Amino acid sequence: MNKIIPTATLLLSSILSSAAYAHFTTVECNDCSVAAAHQQATQTIVEQDKDVIYVVDFVNNSVNKFQQNGDTVTATAMTLSEKIRINNHYEHKRAYLRSAN
């Protein structure tokens, strides 16, 4: 009986954190330049009203993170957890994506 409460708490916290952890938006732009990736991210941010977009390039095995700061969209550095999350999401493609910025 003493193990039920900690187990339930751990299970509930993992469910809630995985729901927030799994939500992100990616756009594929294979073999495109930095300018083309920036344009694709800007267009997606405007269309989908998102703050952060990841542009994935499977030809060059890279991913760029773009973030909206006011009216401008800029490339920002990715954290290690973001890199892991993106690679886990595309694990079925058997490609290891590295951060381009």
N, C-alpha and C. Protein backbone atom coordinates (compact mmCIF):
# COMPACT_ATOMS: atom_id res chain seq x y z
N MET A 1 0.82 -1.19 0.00
CA MET A 1 0.00 0.00 0.00
C MET A 1 0.86 1.26 0.00
N ASN A 2 2.03 1.17 0.61
CA ASN A 2 2.91 2.33 0.70
C ASN A 2 3.52 2.69 -0.67
N LYS A 3 3.58 1.76 -1.57
CA LYS A 3 4.19 2.00 -2.88
C LYS A 3 3.19 2.53 -3.90
N ILE A 4 1.92 2.50 -3.61
CA ILE A 4 0.90 2.91 -4.58
C ILE A 4 0.98 4.41 -4.85
N ILE A 5 1.08 5.22 -3.82
CA ILE A 5 1.09 6.68 -4.01
C ILE A 5 2.33 7.14 -4.77
N PRO A 6 3.55 6.71 -4.40
CA PRO A 6 4.72 7.14 -5.19
C PRO A 6 4.68 6.63 -6.63
N THR A 7 4.20 5.42 -6.83
CA THR A 7 4.11 4.87 -8.18
C THR A 7 3.10 5.64 -9.02
N ALA A 8 1.96 5.96 -8.44
CA ALA A 8 0.94 6.73 -9.15
C ALA A 8 1.45 8.13 -9.48
N THR A 9 2.14 8.73 -8.54
CA THR A 9 2.70 10.07 -8.76
C THR A 9 3.72 10.06 -9.88
N LEU A 10 4.59 9.08 -9.87
CA LEU A 10 5.60 8.96 -10.92
C LEU A 10 4.96 8.72 -12.28
N LEU A 11 3.97 7.87 -12.34
CA LEU A 11 3.27 7.58 -13.59
C LEU A 11 2.56 8.82 -14.12
N LEU A 12 1.87 9.53 -13.26
CA LEU A 12 1.15 10.73 -13.66
C LEU A 12 2.11 11.82 -14.15
N SER A 13 3.22 12.00 -13.46
CA SER A 13 4.18 13.02 -13.88
C SER A 13 4.82 12.67 -15.21
N SER A 14 5.08 11.42 -15.46
CA SER A 14 5.67 11.03 -16.74
C SER A 14 4.69 11.20 -17.89
N ILE A 15 3.43 10.95 -17.65
CA ILE A 15 2.40 11.14 -18.68
C ILE A 15 2.25 12.61 -19.02
N LEU A 16 2.20 13.45 -18.00
CA LEU A 16 2.04 14.88 -18.23
C LEU A 16 3.26 15.49 -18.89
N SER A 17 4.45 15.08 -18.50
CA SER A 17 5.65 15.64 -19.10
C SER A 17 5.84 15.16 -20.53
N SER A 18 5.46 13.94 -20.85
CA SER A 18 5.62 13.44 -22.21
C SER A 18 4.67 14.13 -23.18
N ALA A 19 3.51 14.55 -22.71
CA ALA A 19 2.58 15.27 -23.58
C ALA A 19 3.15 16.63 -23.96
N ALA A 20 3.75 17.31 -23.03
CA ALA A 20 4.34 18.62 -23.32
C ALA A 20 5.63 18.45 -24.10
N TYR A 21 6.34 17.38 -23.87
CA TYR A 21 7.63 17.13 -24.50
C TYR A 21 7.49 16.77 -25.98
N ALA A 22 6.41 16.17 -26.36
CA ALA A 22 6.26 15.64 -27.71
C ALA A 22 5.75 16.66 -28.72
N HIS A 23 5.38 17.85 -28.29
CA HIS A 23 4.76 18.80 -29.19
C HIS A 23 5.78 19.77 -29.78
N PHE A 24 6.05 19.65 -31.06
CA PHE A 24 6.90 20.59 -31.77
C PHE A 24 6.56 20.51 -33.25
N THR A 25 6.96 21.53 -34.01
CA THR A 25 6.63 21.59 -35.43
C THR A 25 7.90 21.53 -36.26
N THR A 26 7.91 20.62 -37.22
CA THR A 26 9.04 20.50 -38.13
C THR A 26 8.57 20.69 -39.57
N VAL A 27 9.50 21.14 -40.41
CA VAL A 27 9.26 21.31 -41.83
C VAL A 27 10.45 20.70 -42.55
N GLU A 28 10.18 19.90 -43.58
CA GLU A 28 11.27 19.32 -44.37
C GLU A 28 11.65 20.25 -45.50
N CYS A 29 12.94 20.47 -45.63
CA CYS A 29 13.49 21.29 -46.72
C CYS A 29 14.81 20.63 -47.10
N ASN A 30 14.74 19.63 -47.97
CA ASN A 30 15.92 18.84 -48.30
C ASN A 30 16.83 19.55 -49.29
N ASP A 31 18.12 19.56 -48.95
CA ASP A 31 19.20 20.16 -49.75
C ASP A 31 18.91 21.62 -50.10
N CYS A 32 18.44 22.37 -49.13
CA CYS A 32 18.17 23.78 -49.38
C CYS A 32 19.19 24.65 -48.65
N SER A 33 19.37 25.85 -49.13
CA SER A 33 20.34 26.77 -48.56
C SER A 33 19.80 27.34 -47.25
N VAL A 34 20.64 28.09 -46.56
CA VAL A 34 20.23 28.71 -45.31
C VAL A 34 19.11 29.72 -45.57
N ALA A 35 19.22 30.45 -46.67
CA ALA A 35 18.18 31.43 -47.02
C ALA A 35 16.85 30.73 -47.32
N ALA A 36 16.89 29.61 -48.02
CA ALA A 36 15.67 28.87 -48.34
C ALA A 36 15.05 28.28 -47.07
N ALA A 37 15.89 27.79 -46.16
CA ALA A 37 15.39 27.26 -44.89
C ALA A 37 14.76 28.37 -44.06
N HIS A 38 15.38 29.54 -44.06
CA HIS A 38 14.83 30.68 -43.33
C HIS A 38 13.49 31.10 -43.92
N GLN A 39 13.39 31.11 -45.25
CA GLN A 39 12.13 31.47 -45.91
C GLN A 39 11.04 30.46 -45.58
N GLN A 40 11.38 29.18 -45.60
CA GLN A 40 10.42 28.12 -45.28
C GLN A 40 9.94 28.26 -43.83
N ALA A 41 10.86 28.55 -42.92
CA ALA A 41 10.48 28.72 -41.51
C ALA A 41 9.59 29.94 -41.32
N THR A 42 9.94 31.04 -41.96
CA THR A 42 9.14 32.26 -41.85
C THR A 42 7.72 32.02 -42.36
N GLN A 43 7.61 31.36 -43.49
CA GLN A 43 6.29 31.07 -44.07
C GLN A 43 5.47 30.18 -43.14
N THR A 44 6.08 29.17 -42.56
CA THR A 44 5.37 28.25 -41.68
C THR A 44 4.97 28.94 -40.38
N ILE A 45 5.84 29.79 -39.85
CA ILE A 45 5.51 30.52 -38.63
C ILE A 45 4.31 31.42 -38.85
N VAL A 46 4.25 32.08 -39.99
CA VAL A 46 3.12 32.96 -40.30
C VAL A 46 1.85 32.16 -40.51
N GLU A 47 1.93 31.06 -41.27
CA GLU A 47 0.74 30.26 -41.60
C GLU A 47 0.17 29.53 -40.39
N GLN A 48 1.04 28.98 -39.55
CA GLN A 48 0.58 28.14 -38.44
C GLN A 48 0.60 28.85 -37.09
N ASP A 49 1.02 30.11 -37.06
CA ASP A 49 1.07 30.90 -35.84
C ASP A 49 1.87 30.19 -34.75
N LYS A 50 3.07 29.80 -35.10
CA LYS A 50 3.99 29.13 -34.17
C LYS A 50 5.10 30.08 -33.77
N ASP A 51 5.76 29.81 -32.65
CA ASP A 51 6.90 30.62 -32.22
C ASP A 51 8.23 29.98 -32.61
N VAL A 52 8.27 28.64 -32.64
CA VAL A 52 9.50 27.92 -32.95
C VAL A 52 9.21 26.90 -34.03
N ILE A 53 10.10 26.85 -35.03
CA ILE A 53 10.00 25.89 -36.14
C ILE A 53 11.36 25.23 -36.32
N TYR A 54 11.36 23.93 -36.55
CA TYR A 54 12.58 23.19 -36.86
C TYR A 54 12.53 22.83 -38.33
N VAL A 55 13.55 23.23 -39.09
CA VAL A 55 13.63 22.91 -40.51
C VAL A 55 14.62 21.76 -40.66
N VAL A 56 14.14 20.63 -41.15
CA VAL A 56 14.91 19.40 -41.23
C VAL A 56 15.38 19.17 -42.66
N ASP A 57 16.66 18.83 -42.81
CA ASP A 57 17.27 18.55 -44.11
C ASP A 57 17.87 17.15 -44.05
N PHE A 58 17.20 16.17 -44.67
CA PHE A 58 17.67 14.79 -44.62
C PHE A 58 18.81 14.53 -45.59
N VAL A 59 18.97 15.34 -46.61
CA VAL A 59 20.08 15.16 -47.55
C VAL A 59 21.40 15.49 -46.86
N ASN A 60 21.42 16.57 -46.10
CA ASN A 60 22.64 17.00 -45.40
C ASN A 60 22.65 16.58 -43.93
N ASN A 61 21.64 15.82 -43.50
CA ASN A 61 21.52 15.34 -42.11
C ASN A 61 21.65 16.48 -41.11
N SER A 62 20.88 17.53 -41.33
CA SER A 62 20.96 18.69 -40.43
C SER A 62 19.56 19.19 -40.08
N VAL A 63 19.51 19.96 -39.02
CA VAL A 63 18.27 20.58 -38.58
C VAL A 63 18.59 21.99 -38.09
N ASN A 64 17.75 22.94 -38.47
CA ASN A 64 17.88 24.33 -38.05
C ASN A 64 16.68 24.70 -37.19
N LYS A 65 16.93 25.46 -36.15
CA LYS A 65 15.85 25.96 -35.30
C LYS A 65 15.67 27.44 -35.59
N PHE A 66 14.44 27.82 -35.89
CA PHE A 66 14.11 29.22 -36.14
C PHE A 66 13.06 29.64 -35.12
N GLN A 67 13.24 30.84 -34.59
CA GLN A 67 12.35 31.33 -33.56
C GLN A 67 11.89 32.74 -33.91
N GLN A 68 10.63 33.02 -33.63
CA GLN A 68 10.08 34.33 -33.89
C GLN A 68 10.36 35.24 -32.69
N ASN A 69 10.99 36.39 -32.99
CA ASN A 69 11.26 37.40 -31.97
C ASN A 69 10.62 38.69 -32.43
N GLY A 70 9.41 38.93 -31.97
CA GLY A 70 8.67 40.10 -32.44
C GLY A 70 8.21 39.88 -33.87
N ASP A 71 8.67 40.75 -34.77
CA ASP A 71 8.30 40.62 -36.19
C ASP A 71 9.35 39.88 -37.00
N THR A 72 10.49 39.56 -36.42
CA THR A 72 11.56 38.90 -37.16
C THR A 72 11.67 37.43 -36.77
N VAL A 73 12.15 36.65 -37.72
CA VAL A 73 12.42 35.24 -37.50
C VAL A 73 13.93 35.05 -37.59
N THR A 74 14.52 34.51 -36.53
CA THR A 74 15.97 34.33 -36.50
C THR A 74 16.33 32.88 -36.21
N ALA A 75 17.50 32.49 -36.69
CA ALA A 75 18.04 31.16 -36.40
C ALA A 75 18.63 31.20 -35.00
N THR A 76 18.29 30.21 -34.19
CA THR A 76 18.79 30.14 -32.82
C THR A 76 19.44 28.78 -32.58
N ALA A 77 20.28 28.73 -31.57
CA ALA A 77 20.97 27.49 -31.23
C ALA A 77 20.00 26.51 -30.58
N MET A 78 20.22 25.24 -30.85
CA MET A 78 19.38 24.19 -30.27
C MET A 78 20.02 23.65 -29.01
N THR A 79 19.18 23.24 -28.07
CA THR A 79 19.69 22.59 -26.87
C THR A 79 19.88 21.10 -27.16
N LEU A 80 20.60 20.44 -26.28
CA LEU A 80 20.82 19.02 -26.44
C LEU A 80 19.51 18.25 -26.39
N SER A 81 18.60 18.64 -25.52
CA SER A 81 17.32 17.93 -25.42
C SER A 81 16.49 18.10 -26.68
N GLU A 82 16.58 19.26 -27.34
CA GLU A 82 15.87 19.46 -28.60
C GLU A 82 16.45 18.56 -29.69
N LYS A 83 17.77 18.43 -29.73
CA LYS A 83 18.41 17.55 -30.71
C LYS A 83 17.98 16.11 -30.50
N ILE A 84 17.95 15.68 -29.27
CA ILE A 84 17.54 14.31 -28.95
C ILE A 84 16.08 14.10 -29.34
N ARG A 85 15.23 15.07 -29.03
CA ARG A 85 13.80 14.97 -29.34
C ARG A 85 13.57 14.86 -30.85
N ILE A 86 14.27 15.68 -31.64
CA ILE A 86 14.13 15.63 -33.10
C ILE A 86 14.61 14.30 -33.63
N ASN A 87 15.76 13.83 -33.17
CA ASN A 87 16.28 12.55 -33.64
C ASN A 87 15.40 11.38 -33.24
N ASN A 88 14.80 11.43 -32.07
CA ASN A 88 13.86 10.38 -31.67
C ASN A 88 12.60 10.40 -32.53
N HIS A 89 12.17 11.60 -32.91
CA HIS A 89 10.98 11.72 -33.75
C HIS A 89 11.21 11.11 -35.13
N TYR A 90 12.41 11.28 -35.68
CA TYR A 90 12.73 10.77 -37.02
C TYR A 90 13.58 9.50 -36.97
N GLU A 91 13.49 8.77 -35.90
CA GLU A 91 14.26 7.54 -35.75
C GLU A 91 13.93 6.52 -36.84
N HIS A 92 12.69 6.51 -37.30
CA HIS A 92 12.28 5.55 -38.32
C HIS A 92 12.99 5.79 -39.66
N LYS A 93 13.54 6.98 -39.88
CA LYS A 93 14.25 7.28 -41.13
C LYS A 93 15.72 6.88 -41.06
N ARG A 94 16.16 6.44 -39.89
CA ARG A 94 17.53 6.00 -39.67
C ARG A 94 18.56 7.05 -40.09
N ALA A 95 18.28 8.29 -39.74
CA ALA A 95 19.19 9.39 -40.03
C ALA A 95 19.47 10.13 -38.74
N TYR A 96 20.76 10.40 -38.49
CA TYR A 96 21.12 11.18 -37.32
C TYR A 96 21.26 12.63 -37.77
N LEU A 97 20.40 13.48 -37.26
CA LEU A 97 20.40 14.88 -37.63
C LEU A 97 21.23 15.68 -36.64
N ARG A 98 22.08 16.54 -37.15
CA ARG A 98 22.87 17.40 -36.29
C ARG A 98 22.44 18.85 -36.50
N SER A 99 22.67 19.63 -35.48
CA SER A 99 22.26 21.03 -35.54
C SER A 99 23.17 21.81 -36.48
N ALA A 100 22.55 22.57 -37.36
CA ALA A 100 23.32 23.37 -38.31
C ALA A 100 23.66 24.74 -37.75
N ASN A 101 23.01 25.14 -36.67
CA ASN A 101 23.32 26.45 -36.08
C ASN A 101 23.56 26.34 -34.60
